[in-house]
């Protein structure tokens, strides 16, 4: 399982997709929506996890989505939505 963060560092026009604990971006995108989609695909491909979306300019986490594991017959459900 892999957790990913979607963040936009202060003063940057690019949204970054960071794997939990990584310093380098796994991917970049021009919009937050694109970066969120990429993060969910990467998390799904690695067996599921959490995608945490930060506010612009390096702000705190504003939302967190659970991505279901690829091969889990009983995946956890996101009860927030």
N, C-alpha and C. Protein backbone atom coordinates (compact mmCIF):
# COMPACT_ATOMS: atom_id res chain seq x y z
N UNK A 1 0.83 -1.18 0.00
CA UNK A 1 0.00 0.00 0.00
C UNK A 1 0.88 1.24 0.00
N UNK A 2 0.40 2.27 -0.69
CA UNK A 2 1.17 3.50 -0.78
C UNK A 2 0.25 4.70 -0.59
N UNK A 3 0.71 5.63 0.24
CA UNK A 3 -0.01 6.87 0.44
C UNK A 3 0.64 7.95 -0.41
N UNK A 4 -0.17 8.82 -0.98
CA UNK A 4 0.33 9.90 -1.83
C UNK A 4 -0.23 11.23 -1.36
N UNK A 5 0.57 12.29 -1.56
CA UNK A 5 0.16 13.65 -1.22
C UNK A 5 0.14 14.48 -2.50
N UNK A 6 -0.92 15.27 -2.67
CA UNK A 6 -1.04 16.20 -3.79
C UNK A 6 -0.82 17.58 -3.19
N UNK A 7 0.28 18.21 -3.61
CA UNK A 7 0.66 19.48 -3.00
C UNK A 7 1.15 20.47 -4.04
N UNK A 8 1.07 21.74 -3.69
CA UNK A 8 1.52 22.83 -4.53
C UNK A 8 2.42 23.71 -3.67
N UNK A 9 3.75 23.52 -3.79
CA UNK A 9 4.67 24.30 -2.95
C UNK A 9 4.49 25.80 -3.14
N UNK A 10 4.74 26.53 -2.08
CA UNK A 10 4.58 27.98 -2.10
C UNK A 10 5.40 28.59 -3.24
N UNK A 11 4.75 29.43 -4.04
CA UNK A 11 5.42 30.11 -5.15
C UNK A 11 5.55 29.28 -6.42
N UNK A 12 4.93 28.10 -6.45
CA UNK A 12 5.03 27.22 -7.61
C UNK A 12 3.71 27.19 -8.38
N UNK A 13 3.81 27.03 -9.70
CA UNK A 13 2.61 26.90 -10.53
C UNK A 13 2.29 25.45 -10.85
N UNK A 14 3.07 24.53 -10.31
CA UNK A 14 2.94 23.11 -10.63
C UNK A 14 2.46 22.35 -9.40
N UNK A 15 1.51 21.44 -9.61
CA UNK A 15 1.04 20.56 -8.55
C UNK A 15 1.90 19.31 -8.57
N UNK A 16 2.36 18.87 -7.40
CA UNK A 16 3.23 17.70 -7.29
C UNK A 16 2.50 16.55 -6.63
N UNK A 17 2.82 15.34 -7.10
CA UNK A 17 2.31 14.11 -6.50
C UNK A 17 3.50 13.46 -5.81
N UNK A 18 3.45 13.40 -4.47
CA UNK A 18 4.54 12.84 -3.69
C UNK A 18 4.09 11.56 -2.99
N UNK A 19 4.89 10.52 -3.10
CA UNK A 19 4.61 9.30 -2.33
C UNK A 19 4.99 9.60 -0.88
N UNK A 20 4.27 9.06 0.07
CA UNK A 20 4.53 9.30 1.48
C UNK A 20 5.98 9.07 1.85
N UNK A 21 6.64 10.07 2.43
CA UNK A 21 8.02 9.97 2.85
C UNK A 21 9.05 10.32 1.78
N UNK A 22 8.61 10.54 0.55
CA UNK A 22 9.54 10.85 -0.54
C UNK A 22 9.85 12.34 -0.59
N UNK A 23 11.02 12.67 -1.11
CA UNK A 23 11.40 14.07 -1.29
C UNK A 23 11.19 14.52 -2.73
N UNK A 24 11.35 13.59 -3.68
CA UNK A 24 11.14 13.91 -5.09
C UNK A 24 9.71 13.57 -5.50
N UNK A 25 9.18 14.34 -6.42
CA UNK A 25 7.82 14.11 -6.90
C UNK A 25 7.76 12.86 -7.78
N UNK A 26 6.73 12.06 -7.59
CA UNK A 26 6.49 10.90 -8.45
C UNK A 26 5.95 11.37 -9.79
N UNK A 27 5.25 12.50 -9.78
CA UNK A 27 4.68 13.07 -10.99
C UNK A 27 4.32 14.53 -10.73
N UNK A 28 4.09 15.27 -11.81
CA UNK A 28 3.64 16.65 -11.69
C UNK A 28 2.47 16.88 -12.64
N UNK A 29 1.70 17.94 -12.37
CA UNK A 29 0.55 18.28 -13.22
C UNK A 29 0.33 19.79 -13.16
N UNK A 30 -0.39 20.29 -14.15
CA UNK A 30 -0.67 21.73 -14.20
C UNK A 30 -1.84 22.13 -13.32
N UNK A 31 -2.75 21.18 -13.02
CA UNK A 31 -3.91 21.48 -12.17
C UNK A 31 -3.99 20.49 -11.03
N UNK A 32 -4.70 20.90 -9.98
CA UNK A 32 -4.88 20.03 -8.82
C UNK A 32 -5.70 18.80 -9.21
N UNK A 33 -6.69 18.98 -10.05
CA UNK A 33 -7.55 17.88 -10.47
C UNK A 33 -6.74 16.80 -11.20
N UNK A 34 -5.85 17.22 -12.10
CA UNK A 34 -5.00 16.27 -12.82
C UNK A 34 -4.08 15.53 -11.85
N UNK A 35 -3.49 16.27 -10.91
CA UNK A 35 -2.57 15.67 -9.94
C UNK A 35 -3.30 14.67 -9.05
N UNK A 36 -4.53 14.99 -8.66
CA UNK A 36 -5.33 14.08 -7.83
C UNK A 36 -5.62 12.78 -8.59
N UNK A 37 -5.95 12.89 -9.86
CA UNK A 37 -6.23 11.71 -10.68
C UNK A 37 -4.98 10.82 -10.79
N UNK A 38 -3.83 11.44 -11.03
CA UNK A 38 -2.58 10.70 -11.14
C UNK A 38 -2.26 10.00 -9.82
N UNK A 39 -2.43 10.70 -8.69
CA UNK A 39 -2.14 10.12 -7.38
C UNK A 39 -3.03 8.92 -7.11
N UNK A 40 -4.30 9.00 -7.48
CA UNK A 40 -5.22 7.88 -7.26
C UNK A 40 -4.85 6.69 -8.12
N UNK A 41 -4.42 6.93 -9.36
CA UNK A 41 -3.99 5.84 -10.22
C UNK A 41 -2.73 5.17 -9.67
N UNK A 42 -1.76 5.98 -9.24
CA UNK A 42 -0.53 5.42 -8.68
C UNK A 42 -0.81 4.61 -7.42
N UNK A 43 -1.67 5.13 -6.56
CA UNK A 43 -2.02 4.42 -5.33
C UNK A 43 -2.74 3.11 -5.63
N UNK A 44 -3.66 3.14 -6.56
CA UNK A 44 -4.39 1.93 -6.95
C UNK A 44 -3.43 0.88 -7.51
N UNK A 45 -2.51 1.30 -8.35
CA UNK A 45 -1.55 0.38 -8.97
C UNK A 45 -0.59 -0.24 -7.96
N UNK A 46 -0.38 0.43 -6.82
CA UNK A 46 0.52 -0.10 -5.82
C UNK A 46 -0.22 -0.82 -4.69
N UNK A 47 -1.50 -1.10 -4.87
CA UNK A 47 -2.25 -1.87 -3.89
C UNK A 47 -3.17 -1.06 -3.01
N UNK A 48 -3.41 0.19 -3.33
CA UNK A 48 -4.33 1.01 -2.56
C UNK A 48 -3.62 1.84 -1.51
N UNK A 49 -4.38 2.69 -0.83
CA UNK A 49 -3.83 3.55 0.21
C UNK A 49 -4.64 4.82 0.33
N UNK A 50 -4.00 5.86 0.85
CA UNK A 50 -4.65 7.15 1.05
C UNK A 50 -4.06 8.18 0.09
N UNK A 51 -4.93 9.04 -0.45
CA UNK A 51 -4.49 10.18 -1.23
C UNK A 51 -4.91 11.42 -0.45
N UNK A 52 -3.91 12.18 -0.03
CA UNK A 52 -4.17 13.38 0.78
C UNK A 52 -3.96 14.61 -0.08
N UNK A 53 -4.99 15.44 -0.17
CA UNK A 53 -4.96 16.62 -1.00
C UNK A 53 -4.75 17.84 -0.10
N UNK A 54 -3.69 18.59 -0.38
CA UNK A 54 -3.35 19.76 0.41
C UNK A 54 -3.94 21.02 -0.21
N UNK A 55 -4.09 22.06 0.59
CA UNK A 55 -4.52 23.36 0.10
C UNK A 55 -3.38 23.97 -0.72
N UNK A 56 -3.69 24.93 -1.60
CA UNK A 56 -2.63 25.57 -2.40
C UNK A 56 -1.56 26.24 -1.53
N UNK A 57 -0.40 26.43 -2.13
CA UNK A 57 0.76 27.09 -1.50
C UNK A 57 1.27 26.36 -0.27
N UNK A 58 1.29 25.02 -0.34
CA UNK A 58 1.86 24.23 0.73
C UNK A 58 1.03 24.20 1.99
N UNK A 59 -0.25 24.42 1.86
CA UNK A 59 -1.14 24.46 3.02
C UNK A 59 -1.41 23.09 3.63
N UNK A 60 -2.20 23.07 4.71
CA UNK A 60 -2.53 21.81 5.39
C UNK A 60 -3.44 20.93 4.52
N UNK A 61 -3.63 19.71 4.96
CA UNK A 61 -4.49 18.75 4.24
C UNK A 61 -5.92 19.25 4.29
N UNK A 62 -6.59 19.31 3.13
CA UNK A 62 -7.98 19.74 3.08
C UNK A 62 -8.92 18.58 2.85
N UNK A 63 -8.39 17.45 2.31
CA UNK A 63 -9.23 16.28 2.05
C UNK A 63 -8.34 15.05 1.96
N UNK A 64 -8.92 13.90 2.25
CA UNK A 64 -8.21 12.64 2.17
C UNK A 64 -9.16 11.60 1.60
N UNK A 65 -8.71 10.89 0.57
CA UNK A 65 -9.53 9.87 -0.07
C UNK A 65 -8.86 8.51 0.06
N UNK A 66 -9.64 7.49 0.33
CA UNK A 66 -9.14 6.13 0.39
C UNK A 66 -9.26 5.51 -0.99
N UNK A 67 -8.16 4.95 -1.46
CA UNK A 67 -8.14 4.26 -2.75
C UNK A 67 -8.12 2.77 -2.44
N UNK A 68 -9.07 2.07 -3.01
CA UNK A 68 -9.20 0.65 -2.68
C UNK A 68 -8.03 -0.17 -3.21
N UNK A 69 -7.68 -1.21 -2.48
CA UNK A 69 -6.62 -2.11 -2.94
C UNK A 69 -7.03 -2.80 -4.23
N UNK A 70 -6.04 -3.05 -5.06
CA UNK A 70 -6.29 -3.65 -6.37
C UNK A 70 -6.85 -5.06 -6.30
N UNK A 71 -6.44 -5.86 -5.32
CA UNK A 71 -6.85 -7.26 -5.29
C UNK A 71 -7.53 -7.66 -3.98
N UNK A 72 -7.94 -6.72 -3.18
CA UNK A 72 -8.60 -7.02 -1.91
C UNK A 72 -10.08 -7.31 -2.17
N UNK A 73 -10.57 -8.50 -1.79
CA UNK A 73 -11.98 -8.82 -2.04
C UNK A 73 -12.94 -8.02 -1.13
N UNK A 74 -12.45 -7.49 -0.03
CA UNK A 74 -13.27 -6.69 0.89
C UNK A 74 -12.59 -5.35 1.16
N UNK A 75 -12.59 -4.44 0.18
CA UNK A 75 -11.90 -3.17 0.37
C UNK A 75 -12.60 -2.28 1.39
N UNK A 76 -11.83 -1.43 2.10
CA UNK A 76 -12.46 -0.48 3.02
C UNK A 76 -13.26 0.54 2.25
N UNK A 77 -14.31 1.06 2.87
CA UNK A 77 -15.16 2.03 2.21
C UNK A 77 -14.95 3.41 2.80
N UNK A 78 -14.91 4.39 1.92
CA UNK A 78 -14.78 5.78 2.34
C UNK A 78 -16.16 6.26 2.75
N UNK A 79 -16.40 6.44 4.04
CA UNK A 79 -17.72 6.79 4.55
C UNK A 79 -17.97 8.30 4.58
N UNK A 80 -16.99 9.08 4.17
CA UNK A 80 -17.11 10.53 4.21
C UNK A 80 -18.04 11.04 3.11
N UNK A 81 -18.09 10.32 1.97
CA UNK A 81 -18.87 10.79 0.82
C UNK A 81 -19.98 9.85 0.47
